[in-house]
Every structure is written in C-alpha cells, then in structure tokens.
Protein backbone atom coordinates (compact mmCIF):
# COMPACT_ATOMS: atom_id res chain seq x y z
CA UNK A 1 80.72 53.62 21.40
CA UNK A 2 81.91 51.86 18.32
CA UNK A 3 79.92 49.04 16.84
CA UNK A 4 81.25 46.24 14.54
CA UNK A 5 78.93 44.46 12.14
CA UNK A 6 79.76 40.89 12.49
CA UNK A 7 78.87 37.15 12.29
CA UNK A 8 80.07 33.70 13.46
CA UNK A 9 81.05 31.21 10.70
CA UNK A 10 83.20 28.29 9.46
CA UNK A 11 85.70 29.20 6.93
CA UNK A 12 85.96 26.96 3.87
CA UNK A 13 89.34 25.69 2.53
CA UNK A 14 90.58 26.79 -0.69
CA UNK A 15 90.23 23.32 -2.10
CA UNK A 16 86.57 23.97 -2.40
CA UNK A 17 86.45 27.20 -3.99
CA UNK A 18 87.29 26.04 -7.49
CA UNK A 19 84.14 23.65 -7.69
CA UNK A 20 81.98 26.56 -6.06
CA UNK A 21 83.44 29.08 -8.69
CA UNK A 22 82.37 26.65 -11.44
CA UNK A 23 78.81 26.51 -10.01
CA UNK A 24 78.49 30.21 -9.54
CA UNK A 25 79.67 31.17 -12.92
CA UNK A 26 77.24 28.68 -14.64
CA UNK A 27 74.46 30.11 -12.76
CA UNK A 28 75.52 33.79 -13.49
CA UNK A 29 75.64 32.93 -17.04
CA UNK A 30 72.26 31.33 -17.17
CA UNK A 31 70.92 34.27 -15.07
CA UNK A 32 72.70 37.17 -16.79
CA UNK A 33 70.96 40.50 -16.58
CA UNK A 34 68.65 39.25 -13.77
CA UNK A 35 68.71 41.33 -10.54
CA UNK A 36 70.62 38.92 -8.26
CA UNK A 37 73.69 39.94 -6.03
CA UNK A 38 76.28 37.26 -6.39
CA UNK A 39 78.64 36.52 -3.60
CA UNK A 40 82.28 36.62 -4.40
CA UNK A 41 83.34 32.92 -4.01
CA UNK A 42 86.20 33.80 -1.49
CA UNK A 43 83.52 35.49 0.85
CA UNK A 44 81.54 32.13 0.76
CA UNK A 45 81.40 30.67 4.21
CA UNK A 46 79.06 28.38 6.43
CA UNK A 47 77.22 30.89 8.78
CA UNK A 48 76.49 29.72 12.26
CA UNK A 49 75.19 33.10 13.66
CA UNK A 50 74.56 36.41 12.30
CA UNK A 51 75.26 39.03 15.16
CA UNK A 52 74.54 42.30 13.36
CA UNK A 53 76.09 45.26 14.97
CA UNK A 54 78.10 44.40 18.02
CA UNK A 55 79.44 46.67 20.58
CA UNK A 56 83.27 46.70 20.77
CA UNK A 57 83.07 46.14 24.41
CA UNK A 58 81.11 42.74 23.77
CA UNK A 59 83.61 41.33 21.45
CA UNK A 60 85.78 39.69 24.34
CA UNK A 61 82.69 38.16 25.74
CA UNK A 62 81.65 36.75 22.26
CA UNK A 63 85.39 35.52 21.81
CA UNK A 64 85.08 33.68 25.10
CA UNK A 65 81.56 31.95 24.19
CA UNK A 66 83.16 30.87 21.07
CA UNK A 67 86.27 29.49 22.58
CA UNK A 68 84.24 27.58 25.37
CA UNK A 69 81.68 26.18 22.94
CA UNK A 70 84.19 25.14 20.29
CA UNK A 71 86.59 23.36 22.74
CA UNK A 72 83.45 21.39 24.18
CA UNK A 73 82.57 19.94 20.61
CA UNK A 74 84.33 17.37 18.55
CA UNK A 75 85.70 18.09 15.23
CA UNK A 76 83.56 16.82 12.35
CA UNK A 77 83.31 16.41 8.50
CA UNK A 78 80.66 17.95 6.21
CA UNK A 79 79.70 17.14 2.90
CA UNK A 80 79.07 19.93 0.37
CA UNK A 81 76.68 19.43 -2.68
CA UNK A 82 73.06 19.67 -3.63
CA UNK A 83 71.35 23.01 -4.68
CA UNK A 84 68.28 24.93 -3.29
CA UNK A 85 66.75 28.11 -2.61
CA UNK A 86 64.99 29.90 0.25
CA UNK A 87 62.11 30.22 0.87
CA UNK A 88 61.17 28.16 -2.17
CA UNK A 89 61.42 27.90 -6.13
CA UNK A 90 58.29 29.91 -6.64
CA UNK A 91 59.64 32.86 -4.51
CA UNK A 92 63.40 32.53 -4.85
CA UNK A 93 65.52 35.00 -2.52
CA UNK A 94 68.53 32.99 -1.44
CA UNK A 95 70.42 30.63 -3.92
CA UNK A 96 72.50 28.12 -2.16
CA UNK A 97 74.51 25.01 -2.37
CA UNK A 98 73.81 22.37 0.36
CA UNK A 99 75.97 21.03 3.26
CA UNK A 100 75.38 17.82 4.86
CA UNK A 101 76.60 17.47 8.32
CA UNK A 102 76.54 15.37 11.58
CA UNK A 103 74.48 16.41 14.45
CA UNK A 104 77.69 18.00 16.00
CA UNK A 105 77.36 21.10 13.59
CA UNK A 106 73.69 21.69 14.66
CA UNK A 107 74.63 21.03 18.35
CA UNK A 108 77.55 23.65 18.19
CA UNK A 109 75.44 26.28 16.23
CA UNK A 110 72.61 25.85 18.88
CA UNK A 111 74.99 26.35 21.83
CA UNK A 112 76.46 29.39 20.21
CA UNK A 113 72.94 30.74 19.63
CA UNK A 114 71.80 30.08 23.31
CA UNK A 115 75.07 31.76 24.74
CA UNK A 116 74.85 34.73 22.53
CA UNK A 117 71.30 35.20 23.27
CA UNK A 118 72.34 35.73 27.04
CA UNK A 119 74.18 38.81 25.82
CA UNK A 120 71.08 40.12 24.00
CA UNK A 121 71.59 38.95 20.51
CA UNK A 122 68.42 37.67 18.93
CA UNK A 123 67.98 33.93 18.82
CA UNK A 124 67.22 32.24 15.64
CA UNK A 125 63.65 31.41 15.33
CA UNK A 126 64.11 28.96 12.34
CA UNK A 127 65.69 25.47 12.67
CA UNK A 128 69.18 25.76 11.52
CA UNK A 129 69.72 24.67 7.83
CA UNK A 130 73.44 24.67 6.95
CA UNK A 131 74.16 25.88 3.37
CA UNK A 132 76.52 28.18 1.53
CA UNK A 133 74.90 31.28 -0.07
CA UNK A 134 75.69 31.79 -3.75
CA UNK A 135 73.42 34.80 -4.43
CA UNK A 136 70.56 36.90 -3.23
CA UNK A 137 67.79 37.83 -5.57
CA UNK A 138 66.89 41.55 -5.34
CA UNK A 139 63.80 42.49 -3.50
CA UNK A 140 63.19 44.92 -6.39
CA UNK A 141 62.93 42.02 -8.74
CA UNK A 142 59.64 42.17 -10.77
CA UNK A 143 57.10 39.15 -11.14
CA UNK A 144 58.36 38.66 -14.76
CA UNK A 145 61.97 38.35 -13.38
CA UNK A 146 60.96 36.25 -10.60
CA UNK A 147 59.33 33.76 -12.86
CA UNK A 148 62.37 33.75 -15.21
CA UNK A 149 64.73 33.15 -12.27
CA UNK A 150 62.51 30.58 -10.90
CA UNK A 151 62.43 28.60 -14.19
CA UNK A 152 66.15 28.46 -14.47
CA UNK A 153 66.73 27.70 -10.74
CA UNK A 154 64.28 24.72 -11.00
CA UNK A 155 66.39 22.94 -13.63
CA UNK A 156 69.72 23.24 -11.71
CA UNK A 157 71.45 20.23 -10.09
CA UNK A 158 74.77 20.32 -8.06
CA UNK A 159 76.48 17.06 -7.40
CA UNK A 160 78.83 16.33 -4.69
CA UNK A 161 81.49 18.99 -4.56
CA UNK A 162 83.70 17.63 -1.83
CA UNK A 163 83.99 16.79 1.98
CA UNK A 164 85.60 19.19 4.52
CA UNK A 165 86.90 18.66 8.06
CA UNK A 166 85.94 21.33 10.40
CA UNK A 167 88.42 22.06 12.91
CA UNK A 168 87.63 25.67 13.89
CA UNK A 169 85.10 28.43 14.05
CA UNK A 170 85.65 32.14 13.61
CA UNK A 171 84.24 35.59 14.33
CA UNK A 172 84.30 37.93 11.26
CA UNK A 173 83.66 41.61 10.82
CA UNK A 174 81.71 42.72 7.87
CA UNK A 175 82.47 46.01 6.32
CA UNK A 176 80.24 47.26 3.48
CA UNK A 177 82.05 48.68 0.60
CA UNK A 178 81.33 49.96 -2.91
CA UNK A 179 82.26 46.45 -4.13
CA UNK A 180 80.24 44.57 -1.60
CA UNK A 181 81.04 43.34 1.78
CA UNK A 182 84.66 42.72 2.89
CA UNK A 183 85.13 40.14 5.57
CA UNK A 184 88.01 40.37 8.11
CA UNK A 185 88.50 37.41 10.48
CA UNK A 186 88.58 38.86 14.16
CA UNK A 187 88.99 35.62 16.24
CA UNK A 188 89.37 31.91 15.74
CA UNK A 189 88.62 29.27 18.18
CA UNK A 190 89.75 25.63 17.57
CA UNK A 191 87.15 23.05 17.84
CA UNK A 192 87.89 20.32 20.37
CA UNK A 193 90.43 17.57 19.61
CA UNK A 194 89.06 14.24 18.55
C-alpha cells in the first residue's frame, strides 16, 4: 500500500512573498555559514496540521473532513509580522515570522485536528501558535554555533508585512528531494462564504 507524506495548510498569496524574501535574505546574510536549513520562500505556508505518512486510501476521507470543516467556518483575515523562535532564544530550533489571526483560525485548526485524530492521526499536544517558518537550526549545531545564532536572532525585529484574506485550505504532499522538499497541492477546500 502506497503512502504520501502530507500536511494541511493555508497557501500564502504571492503578494506576501516579496516581503518574506527580504526578511529571509537579511537573516541568511547575518547568519551565513551557520547550520540552518532555510525554507525556500515559495514553500512557506501556514500549517494547520502535519499528517506525516498518509495511506492513499485515507486521502478521500481527509479531503471530506477538510471540505466539511472549511465550509462550516467563515473567511477571515490574518496579519503577518513580528518575529520569534521556538522553543526560545536560548535554544533556537525554528525561526519564524508571526501571524496574528482571529479565533476563527484556531477554531478551524482545532476542528481539523479533532477530526483527523478520529482517523488515527496524532492530535497536537501544544496550543496552536500560527507562524510562518523561515528556517530550522540543525540538531547538529554545536554550543558555540547556538550561542552565535541566538545572539543574532535576539536583535531581530520584523514589522508588519501585510494582511491576507484566508478563503481556502489545502492538503499538500511533500516529496523530499536533493534540493529540499517539493510541495504539491492535492486538494483545496473553500472556506465558507461570509
């Protein structure tokens, strides 16, 4: 039986990529030579649920969940800006730009999490924290590199980059290749009309 590595996410409009590109390039310059895997800007998205390996026979059921949940929510707007790291600036692992959203986004994410858990996908244990991942610090980074990365990141600020209207949610497949992951949209569900 064939499996597809996949996730549920909101795709960003091209209008935001220019600003994200500037932020990412600036950080890459400041952190040149550091063990960080940078995300190609066109691959940046707002993840709602990472599913992992999905059996191809489950994809129609996940599509149906997405269609039902998206239709039962209202469209909404998010603001992109701000800067942070997970888990914290002392031990940076994930470098991100923030997303401010109304409760509608968290409600949609929670319902998708609950419904996919019924199919056996592990529910998220942490509270949902919407963000756009710019890069990931390598687990092989040594303590000196971690301190250097931390010192640079603590000084960074990202102002408001733009507002985005969210009108659909997608399921993507992720294929790992020599130049990083390649994402392919498999299904799109429109978010209910306002």
